């Protein structure tokens, strides 16, 4: 409304718009502080549950693409989703990869941290 009444670019309503903007910012900041203090502070993730969710995530199978090809990895991902079984377990059943190759390819830390070697050439 303030901008609507600032005819001829005289900006007569600019002080009112600034006051209301600062008031809204203060209200938002107070709400964010209360949310952090009353709802977020003290939250602790259940690491075992989170690890389980990562293991049954079909997207984990994409890391197998370079080793077994897209089609086989997609088959594992679909089956993992359908049966709610870990990708790692299905990769052992459905491929000829050894456990070391599977563990290396499906290491969540290696998939999420930039600069870590994802190939089988060592390093990391």
C-alpha atoms as a PDB file:
ATOM      1  CA  UNK A   1       0.000   0.000   0.000  1.00  0.00           C
ATOM      2  CA  UNK A   2       2.831   2.355   0.837  1.00  0.00           C
ATOM      3  CA  UNK A   3       4.357   1.959  -2.614  1.00  0.00           C
ATOM      4  CA  UNK A   4       0.961   2.635  -4.198  1.00  0.00           C
ATOM      5  CA  UNK A   5       0.685   6.016  -2.454  1.00  0.00           C
ATOM      6  CA  UNK A   6       4.210   7.187  -3.285  1.00  0.00           C
ATOM      7  CA  UNK A   7       3.097   9.143  -6.369  1.00  0.00           C
ATOM      8  CA  UNK A   8       5.471  10.980  -8.637  1.00  0.00           C
ATOM      9  CA  UNK A   9       8.428   9.156  -7.081  1.00  0.00           C
ATOM     10  CA  UNK A  10       8.385  11.527  -4.118  1.00  0.00           C
ATOM     11  CA  UNK A  11       8.627   8.440  -1.880  1.00  0.00           C
ATOM     12  CA  UNK A  12       6.508  10.002   0.819  1.00  0.00           C
ATOM     13  CA  UNK A  13       5.659   6.553   2.138  1.00  0.00           C
ATOM     14  CA  UNK A  14       9.253   5.250   2.223  1.00  0.00           C
ATOM     15  CA  UNK A  15       9.665   5.830   5.986  1.00  0.00           C
ATOM     16  CA  UNK A  16       6.445   3.923   6.699  1.00  0.00           C
ATOM     17  CA  UNK A  17       7.536   1.033   4.447  1.00  0.00           C
ATOM     18  CA  UNK A  18      10.950   0.937   6.159  1.00  0.00           C
ATOM     19  CA  UNK A  19       9.365   0.916   9.633  1.00  0.00           C
ATOM     20  CA  UNK A  20       7.052  -1.950   8.681  1.00  0.00           C
ATOM     21  CA  UNK A  21       9.887  -3.875   7.033  1.00  0.00           C
ATOM     22  CA  UNK A  22      12.071  -3.616  10.138  1.00  0.00           C
ATOM     23  CA  UNK A  23       9.128  -4.587  12.327  1.00  0.00           C
ATOM     24  CA  UNK A  24       8.523  -7.687  10.195  1.00  0.00           C
ATOM     25  CA  UNK A  25      12.225  -8.604  10.306  1.00  0.00           C
ATOM     26  CA  UNK A  26      12.262  -8.319  14.119  1.00  0.00           C
ATOM     27  CA  UNK A  27       9.153 -10.510  14.353  1.00  0.00           C
ATOM     28  CA  UNK A  28      10.662 -13.112  12.020  1.00  0.00           C
ATOM     29  CA  UNK A  29      13.959 -13.116  13.961  1.00  0.00           C
ATOM     30  CA  UNK A  30      12.137 -13.597  17.268  1.00  0.00           C
ATOM     31  CA  UNK A  31      10.091 -16.449  15.808  1.00  0.00           C
ATOM     32  CA  UNK A  32      13.262 -18.102  14.442  1.00  0.00           C
ATOM     33  CA  UNK A  33      14.957 -17.808  17.863  1.00  0.00           C
ATOM     34  CA  UNK A  34      11.952 -19.354  19.604  1.00  0.00           C
ATOM     35  CA  UNK A  35      11.762 -22.183  17.075  1.00  0.00           C
ATOM     36  CA  UNK A  36      15.458 -22.924  17.573  1.00  0.00           C
ATOM     37  CA  UNK A  37      15.195 -22.734  21.374  1.00  0.00           C
ATOM     38  CA  UNK A  38      11.907 -24.565  21.925  1.00  0.00           C
ATOM     39  CA  UNK A  39      11.770 -27.068  19.055  1.00  0.00           C
ATOM     40  CA  UNK A  40      15.200 -27.684  17.539  1.00  0.00           C
ATOM     41  CA  UNK A  41      17.668 -27.409  20.437  1.00  0.00           C
ATOM     42  CA  UNK A  42      18.420 -30.787  21.925  1.00  0.00           C
ATOM     43  CA  UNK A  43      17.282 -32.842  18.954  1.00  0.00           C
ATOM     44  CA  UNK A  44      19.579 -35.827  18.510  1.00  0.00           C
ATOM     45  CA  UNK A  45      19.460 -38.038  15.441  1.00  0.00           C
ATOM     46  CA  UNK A  46      19.036 -41.768  15.935  1.00  0.00           C
ATOM     47  CA  UNK A  47      22.144 -42.823  14.035  1.00  0.00           C
ATOM     48  CA  UNK A  48      21.139 -46.465  13.701  1.00  0.00           C
ATOM     49  CA  UNK A  49      17.751 -45.560  12.180  1.00  0.00           C
ATOM     50  CA  UNK A  50      19.379 -43.049   9.814  1.00  0.00           C
ATOM     51  CA  UNK A  51      21.959 -45.637   8.729  1.00  0.00           C
ATOM     52  CA  UNK A  52      19.114 -48.075   8.043  1.00  0.00           C
ATOM     53  CA  UNK A  53      17.305 -45.526   5.871  1.00  0.00           C
ATOM     54  CA  UNK A  54      20.488 -44.925   3.877  1.00  0.00           C
ATOM     55  CA  UNK A  55      21.003 -48.653   3.329  1.00  0.00           C
ATOM     56  CA  UNK A  56      17.470 -49.224   1.963  1.00  0.00           C
ATOM     57  CA  UNK A  57      17.526 -46.126  -0.223  1.00  0.00           C
ATOM     58  CA  UNK A  58      17.260 -47.199  -3.875  1.00  0.00           C
ATOM     59  CA  UNK A  59      19.416 -44.227  -4.855  1.00  0.00           C
ATOM     60  CA  UNK A  60      22.402 -46.050  -3.313  1.00  0.00           C
ATOM     61  CA  UNK A  61      22.299 -48.398  -6.299  1.00  0.00           C
ATOM     62  CA  UNK A  62      23.441 -45.611  -8.635  1.00  0.00           C
ATOM     63  CA  UNK A  63      26.944 -46.009  -7.198  1.00  0.00           C
ATOM     64  CA  UNK A  64      26.984 -49.496  -8.687  1.00  0.00           C
ATOM     65  CA  UNK A  65      26.499 -48.215 -12.259  1.00  0.00           C
ATOM     66  CA  UNK A  66      30.208 -48.118 -13.164  1.00  0.00           C
ATOM     67  CA  UNK A  67      30.683 -51.661 -11.852  1.00  0.00           C
ATOM     68  CA  UNK A  68      27.589 -53.514 -13.105  1.00  0.00           C
ATOM     69  CA  UNK A  69      25.927 -51.183 -15.601  1.00  0.00           C
ATOM     70  CA  UNK A  70      22.802 -49.082 -15.464  1.00  0.00           C
ATOM     71  CA  UNK A  71      20.289 -51.850 -16.188  1.00  0.00           C
ATOM     72  CA  UNK A  72      21.482 -54.159 -13.414  1.00  0.00           C
ATOM     73  CA  UNK A  73      21.785 -51.265 -10.935  1.00  0.00           C
ATOM     74  CA  UNK A  74      18.238 -50.138 -11.821  1.00  0.00           C
ATOM     75  CA  UNK A  75      16.992 -53.681 -11.268  1.00  0.00           C
ATOM     76  CA  UNK A  76      18.616 -53.718  -7.816  1.00  0.00           C
ATOM     77  CA  UNK A  77      17.160 -50.279  -6.996  1.00  0.00           C
ATOM     78  CA  UNK A  78      13.641 -51.322  -8.001  1.00  0.00           C
ATOM     79  CA  UNK A  79      13.841 -54.536  -6.037  1.00  0.00           C
ATOM     80  CA  UNK A  80      15.243 -52.706  -3.001  1.00  0.00           C
ATOM     81  CA  UNK A  81      12.333 -50.283  -3.082  1.00  0.00           C
ATOM     82  CA  UNK A  82       9.739 -52.989  -3.607  1.00  0.00           C
ATOM     83  CA  UNK A  83      11.050 -55.363  -0.933  1.00  0.00           C
ATOM     84  CA  UNK A  84      12.442 -52.713   1.458  1.00  0.00           C
ATOM     85  CA  UNK A  85      15.755 -54.576   1.517  1.00  0.00           C
ATOM     86  CA  UNK A  86      19.234 -53.008   1.654  1.00  0.00           C
ATOM     87  CA  UNK A  87      20.916 -52.381  -1.686  1.00  0.00           C
ATOM     88  CA  UNK A  88      24.108 -53.891  -0.266  1.00  0.00           C
ATOM     89  CA  UNK A  89      22.341 -57.197   0.446  1.00  0.00           C
ATOM     90  CA  UNK A  90      20.754 -57.335  -3.003  1.00  0.00           C
ATOM     91  CA  UNK A  91      24.068 -56.470  -4.685  1.00  0.00           C
ATOM     92  CA  UNK A  92      25.632 -59.516  -2.992  1.00  0.00           C
ATOM     93  CA  UNK A  93      22.784 -61.715  -4.245  1.00  0.00           C
ATOM     94  CA  UNK A  94      22.382 -60.351  -7.745  1.00  0.00           C
ATOM     95  CA  UNK A  95      25.968 -59.610  -8.849  1.00  0.00           C
ATOM     96  CA  UNK A  96      29.343 -61.304  -8.968  1.00  0.00           C
ATOM     97  CA  UNK A  97      30.997 -58.421  -7.082  1.00  0.00           C
ATOM     98  CA  UNK A  98      32.953 -59.337  -3.983  1.00  0.00           C
ATOM     99  CA  UNK A  99      32.109 -57.803  -0.599  1.00  0.00           C
ATOM    100  CA  UNK A 100      35.034 -55.369  -0.726  1.00  0.00           C
ATOM    101  CA  UNK A 101      33.900 -53.915  -4.081  1.00  0.00           C
ATOM    102  CA  UNK A 102      30.321 -53.577  -2.855  1.00  0.00           C
ATOM    103  CA  UNK A 103      31.351 -51.917   0.407  1.00  0.00           C
ATOM    104  CA  UNK A 104      33.633 -49.502  -1.423  1.00  0.00           C
ATOM    105  CA  UNK A 105      30.981 -48.539  -3.982  1.00  0.00           C
ATOM    106  CA  UNK A 106      28.169 -48.231  -1.421  1.00  0.00           C
ATOM    107  CA  UNK A 107      30.043 -46.234   1.207  1.00  0.00           C
ATOM    108  CA  UNK A 108      27.676 -43.286   1.885  1.00  0.00           C
ATOM    109  CA  UNK A 109      30.517 -41.015   3.013  1.00  0.00           C
ATOM    110  CA  UNK A 110      32.365 -41.530  -0.261  1.00  0.00           C
ATOM    111  CA  UNK A 111      29.170 -40.714  -2.169  1.00  0.00           C
ATOM    112  CA  UNK A 112      28.437 -37.489  -0.310  1.00  0.00           C
ATOM    113  CA  UNK A 113      31.818 -35.862   0.258  1.00  0.00           C
ATOM    114  CA  UNK A 114      33.376 -34.042  -2.690  1.00  0.00           C
ATOM    115  CA  UNK A 115      36.854 -35.020  -3.723  1.00  0.00           C
ATOM    116  CA  UNK A 116      36.762 -38.596  -2.468  1.00  0.00           C
ATOM    117  CA  UNK A 117      37.769 -41.182  -5.059  1.00  0.00           C
ATOM    118  CA  UNK A 118      34.734 -43.256  -6.089  1.00  0.00           C
ATOM    119  CA  UNK A 119      36.544 -45.438  -8.573  1.00  0.00           C
ATOM    120  CA  UNK A 120      38.400 -48.610  -7.871  1.00  0.00           C
ATOM    121  CA  UNK A 121      41.857 -47.121  -8.543  1.00  0.00           C
ATOM    122  CA  UNK A 122      42.789 -46.512  -4.904  1.00  0.00           C
ATOM    123  CA  UNK A 123      43.474 -43.145  -3.354  1.00  0.00           C
ATOM    124  CA  UNK A 124      40.749 -41.263  -1.596  1.00  0.00           C
END
